[in-house]
Amino acid sequence: MTVETLVPLIGTVITGLVTLTGVIITNKASGDKIQADMKIHQAVIENELKNIERRLDENEELVNQVPRIDERVRNLEKRF
């Protein structure tokens, strides 16, 4: 190989390496952003689940009170 053929070949290899490095850096940054977004979405979902669980607990208390209220109504009806 002559110098005339090696210079463009070396230039092409260097350009390829620089391009590959840029792609790797971009992909890493993109992956980090996606991971951060996923953590945010996970936190939002966990918060929503806690709210739903709290509401279910509140409704469960109401459901548990219904038989007691029915019994009180029956007792009042018996008195009158």
PDB file of N, CA and C in Angstrom:
ATOM      1  N   MET A   1       0.844  -1.180   0.000  1.00  0.00           N
ATOM      2  CA  MET A   1       0.000   0.000   0.000  1.00  0.00           C
ATOM      3  C   MET A   1       0.885   1.236   0.000  1.00  0.00           C
ATOM      4  N   THR A   2       0.442   2.186  -0.723  1.00  0.00           N
ATOM      5  CA  THR A   2       1.210   3.429  -0.790  1.00  0.00           C
ATOM      6  C   THR A   2       0.622   4.438   0.180  1.00  0.00           C
ATOM      7  N   VAL A   3       1.375   5.478   0.390  1.00  0.00           N
ATOM      8  CA  VAL A   3       0.937   6.547   1.290  1.00  0.00           C
ATOM      9  C   VAL A   3      -0.329   7.183   0.750  1.00  0.00           C
ATOM     10  N   GLU A   4      -0.440   7.262  -0.554  1.00  0.00           N
ATOM     11  CA  GLU A   4      -1.618   7.889  -1.171  1.00  0.00           C
ATOM     12  C   GLU A   4      -2.894   7.114  -0.862  1.00  0.00           C
ATOM     13  N   THR A   5      -2.817   5.809  -0.699  1.00  0.00           N
ATOM     14  CA  THR A   5      -4.009   5.024  -0.371  1.00  0.00           C
ATOM     15  C   THR A   5      -4.211   4.917   1.138  1.00  0.00           C
ATOM     16  N   LEU A   6      -3.123   5.018   1.906  1.00  0.00           N
ATOM     17  CA  LEU A   6      -3.244   4.913   3.361  1.00  0.00           C
ATOM     18  C   LEU A   6      -3.858   6.159   3.986  1.00  0.00           C
ATOM     19  N   VAL A   7      -3.535   7.335   3.487  1.00  0.00           N
ATOM     20  CA  VAL A   7      -4.037   8.585   4.076  1.00  0.00           C
ATOM     21  C   VAL A   7      -5.565   8.636   4.031  1.00  0.00           C
ATOM     22  N   PRO A   8      -6.207   8.393   2.891  1.00  0.00           N
ATOM     23  CA  PRO A   8      -7.676   8.406   2.896  1.00  0.00           C
ATOM     24  C   PRO A   8      -8.263   7.288   3.764  1.00  0.00           C
ATOM     25  N   LEU A   9      -7.590   6.143   3.781  1.00  0.00           N
ATOM     26  CA  LEU A   9      -8.071   5.024   4.596  1.00  0.00           C
ATOM     27  C   LEU A   9      -8.007   5.382   6.081  1.00  0.00           C
ATOM     28  N   ILE A  10      -6.909   5.977   6.513  1.00  0.00           N
ATOM     29  CA  ILE A  10      -6.772   6.397   7.913  1.00  0.00           C
ATOM     30  C   ILE A  10      -7.805   7.477   8.234  1.00  0.00           C
ATOM     31  N   GLY A  11      -7.996   8.398   7.309  1.00  0.00           N
ATOM     32  CA  GLY A  11      -9.007   9.449   7.503  1.00  0.00           C
ATOM     33  C   GLY A  11     -10.399   8.861   7.659  1.00  0.00           C
ATOM     34  N   THR A  12     -10.706   7.861   6.859  1.00  0.00           N
ATOM     35  CA  THR A  12     -12.009   7.204   6.938  1.00  0.00           C
ATOM     36  C   THR A  12     -12.171   6.478   8.271  1.00  0.00           C
ATOM     37  N   VAL A  13     -11.122   5.794   8.715  1.00  0.00           N
ATOM     38  CA  VAL A  13     -11.177   5.083   9.995  1.00  0.00           C
ATOM     39  C   VAL A  13     -11.364   6.077  11.140  1.00  0.00           C
ATOM     40  N   ILE A  14     -10.630   7.189  11.114  1.00  0.00           N
ATOM     41  CA  ILE A  14     -10.760   8.203  12.170  1.00  0.00           C
ATOM     42  C   ILE A  14     -12.170   8.790  12.165  1.00  0.00           C
ATOM     43  N   THR A  15     -12.686   9.101  10.993  1.00  0.00           N
ATOM     44  CA  THR A  15     -14.051   9.628  10.888  1.00  0.00           C
ATOM     45  C   THR A  15     -15.056   8.621  11.435  1.00  0.00           C
ATOM     46  N   GLY A  16     -14.868   7.367  11.105  1.00  0.00           N
ATOM     47  CA  GLY A  16     -15.759   6.319  11.607  1.00  0.00           C
ATOM     48  C   GLY A  16     -15.709   6.207  13.121  1.00  0.00           C
ATOM     49  N   LEU A  17     -14.509   6.276  13.691  1.00  0.00           N
ATOM     50  CA  LEU A  17     -14.364   6.196  15.149  1.00  0.00           C
ATOM     51  C   LEU A  17     -15.010   7.393  15.841  1.00  0.00           C
ATOM     52  N   VAL A  18     -14.814   8.583  15.276  1.00  0.00           N
ATOM     53  CA  VAL A  18     -15.434   9.780  15.860  1.00  0.00           C
ATOM     54  C   VAL A  18     -16.955   9.674  15.783  1.00  0.00           C
ATOM     55  N   THR A  19     -17.463   9.213  14.654  1.00  0.00           N
ATOM     56  CA  THR A  19     -18.909   9.041  14.492  1.00  0.00           C
ATOM     57  C   THR A  19     -19.441   8.011  15.474  1.00  0.00           C
ATOM     58  N   LEU A  20     -18.747   6.897  15.604  1.00  0.00           N
ATOM     59  CA  LEU A  20     -19.162   5.850  16.540  1.00  0.00           C
ATOM     60  C   LEU A  20     -19.169   6.378  17.973  1.00  0.00           C
ATOM     61  N   THR A  21     -18.149   7.150  18.333  1.00  0.00           N
ATOM     62  CA  THR A  21     -18.096   7.737  19.674  1.00  0.00           C
ATOM     63  C   THR A  21     -19.290   8.661  19.900  1.00  0.00           C
ATOM     64  N   GLY A  22     -19.618   9.460  18.897  1.00  0.00           N
ATOM     65  CA  GLY A  22     -20.783  10.351  19.004  1.00  0.00           C
ATOM     66  C   GLY A  22     -22.075   9.578  19.180  1.00  0.00           C
ATOM     67  N   VAL A  23     -22.221   8.495  18.437  1.00  0.00           N
ATOM     68  CA  VAL A  23     -23.425   7.667  18.546  1.00  0.00           C
ATOM     69  C   VAL A  23     -23.516   7.041  19.934  1.00  0.00           C
ATOM     70  N   ILE A  24     -22.405   6.553  20.444  1.00  0.00           N
ATOM     71  CA  ILE A  24     -22.395   5.937  21.778  1.00  0.00           C
ATOM     72  C   ILE A  24     -22.777   6.963  22.844  1.00  0.00           C
ATOM     73  N   ILE A  25     -22.204   8.155  22.760  1.00  0.00           N
ATOM     74  CA  ILE A  25     -22.518   9.207  23.737  1.00  0.00           C
ATOM     75  C   ILE A  25     -23.987   9.592  23.648  1.00  0.00           C
ATOM     76  N   THR A  26     -24.493   9.746  22.435  1.00  0.00           N
ATOM     77  CA  THR A  26     -25.903  10.108  22.253  1.00  0.00           C
ATOM     78  C   THR A  26     -26.819   9.026  22.798  1.00  0.00           C
ATOM     79  N   ASN A  27     -26.499   7.772  22.513  1.00  0.00           N
ATOM     80  CA  ASN A  27     -27.330   6.672  23.015  1.00  0.00           C
ATOM     81  C   ASN A  27     -27.305   6.597  24.534  1.00  0.00           C
ATOM     82  N   LYS A  28     -26.158   6.840  25.132  1.00  0.00           N
ATOM     83  CA  LYS A  28     -26.068   6.818  26.596  1.00  0.00           C
ATOM     84  C   LYS A  28     -26.905   7.935  27.190  1.00  0.00           C
ATOM     85  N   ALA A  29     -26.796   9.127  26.621  1.00  0.00           N
ATOM     86  CA  ALA A  29     -27.581  10.260  27.126  1.00  0.00           C
ATOM     87  C   ALA A  29     -29.072   9.984  26.968  1.00  0.00           C
ATOM     88  N   SER A  30     -29.442   9.424  25.833  1.00  0.00           N
ATOM     89  CA  SER A  30     -30.846   9.090  25.597  1.00  0.00           C
ATOM     90  C   SER A  30     -31.322   8.030  26.581  1.00  0.00           C
ATOM     91  N   GLY A  31     -30.496   7.025  26.816  1.00  0.00           N
ATOM     92  CA  GLY A  31     -30.843   5.972  27.772  1.00  0.00           C
ATOM     93  C   GLY A  31     -30.993   6.517  29.182  1.00  0.00           C
ATOM     94  N   ASP A  32     -30.104   7.433  29.567  1.00  0.00           N
ATOM     95  CA  ASP A  32     -30.199   8.046  30.895  1.00  0.00           C
ATOM     96  C   ASP A  32     -31.488   8.848  31.035  1.00  0.00           C
ATOM     97  N   LYS A  33     -31.858   9.570  29.969  1.00  0.00           N
ATOM     98  CA  LYS A  33     -33.098  10.359  30.001  1.00  0.00           C
ATOM     99  C   LYS A  33     -34.306   9.440  30.106  1.00  0.00           C
ATOM    100  N   ILE A  34     -34.308   8.371  29.338  1.00  0.00           N
ATOM    101  CA  ILE A  34     -35.424   7.420  29.388  1.00  0.00           C
ATOM    102  C   ILE A  34     -35.523   6.802  30.777  1.00  0.00           C
ATOM    103  N   GLN A  35     -34.395   6.462  31.362  1.00  0.00           N
ATOM    104  CA  GLN A  35     -34.398   5.870  32.703  1.00  0.00           C
ATOM    105  C   GLN A  35     -34.937   6.867  33.727  1.00  0.00           C
ATOM    106  N   ALA A  36     -34.544   8.126  33.615  1.00  0.00           N
ATOM    107  CA  ALA A  36     -35.051   9.152  34.534  1.00  0.00           C
ATOM    108  C   ALA A  36     -36.557   9.330  34.358  1.00  0.00           C
ATOM    109  N   ASP A  37     -37.016   9.347  33.098  1.00  0.00           N
ATOM    110  CA  ASP A  37     -38.454   9.461  32.835  1.00  0.00           C
ATOM    111  C   ASP A  37     -39.211   8.276  33.416  1.00  0.00           C
ATOM    112  N   MET A  38     -38.644   7.088  33.295  1.00  0.00           N
ATOM    113  CA  MET A  38     -39.298   5.893  33.838  1.00  0.00           C
ATOM    114  C   MET A  38     -39.424   5.988  35.356  1.00  0.00           C
ATOM    115  N   LYS A  39     -38.393   6.505  36.018  1.00  0.00           N
ATOM    116  CA  LYS A  39     -38.448   6.657  37.473  1.00  0.00           C
ATOM    117  C   LYS A  39     -39.545   7.643  37.862  1.00  0.00           C
ATOM    118  N   ILE A  40     -39.671   8.721  37.097  1.00  0.00           N
ATOM    119  CA  ILE A  40     -40.728   9.704  37.372  1.00  0.00           C
ATOM    120  C   ILE A  40     -42.093   9.067  37.193  1.00  0.00           C
ATOM    121  N   HIS A  41     -42.282   8.353  36.082  1.00  0.00           N
ATOM    122  CA  HIS A  41     -43.572   7.703  35.829  1.00  0.00           C
ATOM    123  C   HIS A  41     -43.880   6.661  36.902  1.00  0.00           C
ATOM    124  N   GLN A  42     -42.874   5.933  37.335  1.00  0.00           N
ATOM    125  CA  GLN A  42     -43.077   4.932  38.384  1.00  0.00           C
ATOM    126  C   GLN A  42     -43.518   5.602  39.683  1.00  0.00           C
ATOM    127  N   ALA A  43     -42.903   6.733  40.012  1.00  0.00           N
ATOM    128  CA  ALA A  43     -43.286   7.452  41.229  1.00  0.00           C
ATOM    129  C   ALA A  43     -44.723   7.955  41.133  1.00  0.00           C
ATOM    130  N   VAL A  44     -45.110   8.451  39.962  1.00  0.00           N
ATOM    131  CA  VAL A  44     -46.483   8.928  39.768  1.00  0.00           C
ATOM    132  C   VAL A  44     -47.466   7.773  39.918  1.00  0.00           C
ATOM    133  N   ILE A  45     -47.159   6.637  39.317  1.00  0.00           N
ATOM    134  CA  ILE A  45     -48.045   5.467  39.401  1.00  0.00           C
ATOM    135  C   ILE A  45     -48.155   4.986  40.845  1.00  0.00           C
ATOM    136  N   GLU A  46     -47.035   4.938  41.558  1.00  0.00           N
ATOM    137  CA  GLU A  46     -47.073   4.510  42.959  1.00  0.00           C
ATOM    138  C   GLU A  46     -47.924   5.461  43.794  1.00  0.00           C
ATOM    139  N   ASN A  47     -47.826   6.758  43.516  1.00  0.00           N
ATOM    140  CA  ASN A  47     -48.632   7.743  44.230  1.00  0.00           C
ATOM    141  C   ASN A  47     -50.121   7.532  43.938  1.00  0.00           C
ATOM    142  N   GLU A  48     -50.455   7.296  42.682  1.00  0.00           N
ATOM    143  CA  GLU A  48     -51.849   7.040  42.318  1.00  0.00           C
ATOM    144  C   GLU A  48     -52.367   5.772  42.993  1.00  0.00           C
ATOM    145  N   LEU A  49     -51.544   4.744  43.047  1.00  0.00           N
ATOM    146  CA  LEU A  49     -51.956   3.505  43.714  1.00  0.00           C
ATOM    147  C   LEU A  49     -52.216   3.737  45.201  1.00  0.00           C
ATOM    148  N   LYS A  50     -51.380   4.545  45.830  1.00  0.00           N
ATOM    149  CA  LYS A  50     -51.602   4.860  47.244  1.00  0.00           C
ATOM    150  C   LYS A  50     -52.924   5.595  47.428  1.00  0.00           C
ATOM    151  N   ASN A  51     -53.220   6.530  46.508  1.00  0.00           N
ATOM    152  CA  ASN A  51     -54.492   7.250  46.589  1.00  0.00           C
ATOM    153  C   ASN A  51     -55.670   6.302  46.412  1.00  0.00           C
ATOM    154  N   ILE A  52     -55.556   5.378  45.480  1.00  0.00           N
ATOM    155  CA  ILE A  52     -56.631   4.405  45.251  1.00  0.00           C
ATOM    156  C   ILE A  52     -56.802   3.516  46.475  1.00  0.00           C
ATOM    157  N   GLU A  53     -55.705   3.062  47.050  1.00  0.00           N
ATOM    158  CA  GLU A  53     -55.784   2.228  48.256  1.00  0.00           C
ATOM    159  C   GLU A  53     -56.443   2.991  49.402  1.00  0.00           C
ATOM    160  N   ARG A  54     -56.104   4.270  49.538  1.00  0.00           N
ATOM    161  CA  ARG A  54     -56.700   5.091  50.591  1.00  0.00           C
ATOM    162  C   ARG A  54     -58.206   5.204  50.377  1.00  0.00           C
ATOM    163  N   ARG A  55     -58.613   5.452  49.130  1.00  0.00           N
ATOM    164  CA  ARG A  55     -60.048   5.551  48.826  1.00  0.00           C
ATOM    165  C   ARG A  55     -60.760   4.229  49.091  1.00  0.00           C
ATOM    166  N   LEU A  56     -60.126   3.134  48.733  1.00  0.00           N
ATOM    167  CA  LEU A  56     -60.731   1.824  48.999  1.00  0.00           C
ATOM    168  C   LEU A  56     -60.898   1.590  50.495  1.00  0.00           C
ATOM    169  N   ASP A  57     -59.897   1.989  51.265  1.00  0.00           N
ATOM    170  CA  ASP A  57     -59.996   1.847  52.720  1.00  0.00           C
ATOM    171  C   ASP A  57     -61.146   2.684  53.269  1.00  0.00           C
ATOM    172  N   GLU A  58     -61.295   3.907  52.756  1.00  0.00           N
ATOM    173  CA  GLU A  58     -62.399   4.762  53.196  1.00  0.00           C
ATOM    174  C   GLU A  58     -63.743   4.125  52.850  1.00  0.00           C
ATOM    175  N   ASN A  59     -63.858   3.606  51.638  1.00  0.00           N
ATOM    176  CA  ASN A  59     -65.111   2.975  51.221  1.00  0.00           C
ATOM    177  C   ASN A  59     -65.373   1.692  51.995  1.00  0.00           C
ATOM    178  N   GLU A  60     -64.323   0.985  52.347  1.00  0.00           N
ATOM    179  CA  GLU A  60     -64.496  -0.245  53.117  1.00  0.00           C
ATOM    180  C   GLU A  60     -65.093   0.072  54.484  1.00  0.00           C
ATOM    181  N   GLU A  61     -64.657   1.178  55.079  1.00  0.00           N
ATOM    182  CA  GLU A  61     -65.228   1.588  56.357  1.00  0.00           C
ATOM    183  C   GLU A  61     -66.720   1.861  56.208  1.00  0.00           C
ATOM    184  N   LEU A  62     -67.105   2.513  55.115  1.00  0.00           N
ATOM    185  CA  LEU A  62     -68.532   2.781  54.882  1.00  0.00           C
ATOM    186  C   LEU A  62     -69.308   1.484  54.703  1.00  0.00           C
ATOM    187  N   VAL A  63     -68.746   0.569  53.941  1.00  0.00           N
ATOM    188  CA  VAL A  63     -69.410  -0.714  53.701  1.00  0.00           C
ATOM    189  C   VAL A  63     -69.569  -1.474  55.013  1.00  0.00           C
ATOM    190  N   ASN A  64     -68.578  -1.411  55.864  1.00  0.00           N
ATOM    191  CA  ASN A  64     -68.659  -2.096  57.157  1.00  0.00           C
ATOM    192  C   ASN A  64     -69.681  -1.443  58.082  1.00  0.00           C
ATOM    193  N   GLN A  65     -69.948  -0.165  57.886  1.00  0.00           N
ATOM    194  CA  GLN A  65     -70.915   0.535  58.730  1.00  0.00           C
ATOM    195  C   GLN A  65     -72.351   0.221  58.341  1.00  0.00           C
ATOM    196  N   VAL A  66     -72.600  -0.168  57.102  1.00  0.00           N
ATOM    197  CA  VAL A  66     -73.965  -0.400  56.623  1.00  0.00           C
ATOM    198  C   VAL A  66     -74.702  -1.436  57.467  1.00  0.00           C
ATOM    199  N   PRO A  67     -74.150  -2.599  57.766  1.00  0.00           N
ATOM    200  CA  PRO A  67     -74.896  -3.556  58.592  1.00  0.00           C
ATOM    201  C   PRO A  67     -75.223  -3.002  59.985  1.00  0.00           C
ATOM    202  N   ARG A  68     -74.305  -2.246  60.561  1.00  0.00           N
ATOM    203  CA  ARG A  68     -74.567  -1.666  61.878  1.00  0.00           C
ATOM    204  C   ARG A  68     -75.687  -0.637  61.802  1.00  0.00           C
ATOM    205  N   ILE A  69     -75.691   0.153  60.741  1.00  0.00           N
ATOM    206  CA  ILE A  69     -76.756   1.143  60.562  1.00  0.00           C
ATOM    207  C   ILE A  69     -78.088   0.432  60.345  1.00  0.00           C
ATOM    208  N   ASP A  70     -78.082  -0.626  59.534  1.00  0.00           N
ATOM    209  CA  ASP A  70     -79.311  -1.401  59.322  1.00  0.00           C
ATOM    210  C   ASP A  70     -79.842  -1.943  60.646  1.00  0.00           C
ATOM    211  N   GLU A  71     -78.950  -2.430  61.467  1.00  0.00           N
ATOM    212  CA  GLU A  71     -79.363  -2.977  62.762  1.00  0.00           C
ATOM    213  C   GLU A  71     -79.954  -1.879  63.646  1.00  0.00           C
ATOM    214  N   ARG A  72     -79.363  -0.718  63.641  1.00  0.00           N
ATOM    215  CA  ARG A  72     -79.897   0.401  64.423  1.00  0.00           C
ATOM    216  C   ARG A  72     -81.286   0.797  63.934  1.00  0.00           C
ATOM    217  N   VAL A  73     -81.457   0.832  62.612  1.00  0.00           N
ATOM    218  CA  VAL A  73     -82.768   1.174  62.049  1.00  0.00           C
ATOM    219  C   VAL A  73     -83.796   0.140  62.483  1.00  0.00           C
ATOM    220  N   ARG A  74     -83.464  -1.119  62.428  1.00  0.00           N
ATOM    221  CA  ARG A  74     -84.391  -2.174  62.849  1.00  0.00           C
ATOM    222  C   ARG A  74     -84.748  -2.025  64.327  1.00  0.00           C
ATOM    223  N   ASN A  75     -83.757  -1.722  65.135  1.00  0.00           N
ATOM    224  CA  ASN A  75     -84.014  -1.533  66.563  1.00  0.00           C
ATOM    225  C   ASN A  75     -84.934  -0.343  66.806  1.00  0.00           C
ATOM    226  N   LEU A  76     -84.711   0.720  66.050  1.00  0.00           N
ATOM    227  CA  LEU A  76     -85.588   1.885  66.187  1.00  0.00           C
ATOM    228  C   LEU A  76     -87.002   1.564  65.718  1.00  0.00           C
ATOM    229  N   GLU A  77     -87.114   0.808  64.635  1.00  0.00           N
ATOM    230  CA  GLU A  77     -88.441   0.423  64.135  1.00  0.00           C
ATOM    231  C   GLU A  77     -89.176  -0.425  65.171  1.00  0.00           C
ATOM    232  N   LYS A  78     -88.467  -1.287  65.857  1.00  0.00           N
ATOM    233  CA  LYS A  78     -89.086  -2.140  66.875  1.00  0.00           C
ATOM    234  C   LYS A  78     -89.594  -1.303  68.045  1.00  0.00           C
ATOM    235  N   ARG A  79     -88.885  -0.248  68.370  1.00  0.00           N
ATOM    236  CA  ARG A  79     -89.288   0.607  69.486  1.00  0.00           C
ATOM    237  C   ARG A  79     -90.561   1.380  69.170  1.00  0.00           C
ATOM    238  N   PHE A  80     -90.705   1.757  67.922  1.00  0.00           N
ATOM    239  CA  PHE A  80     -91.867   2.575  67.567  1.00  0.00           C
ATOM    240  C   PHE A  80     -92.890   1.703  66.976  1.00  0.00           C
TER     241      PHE A  80
END
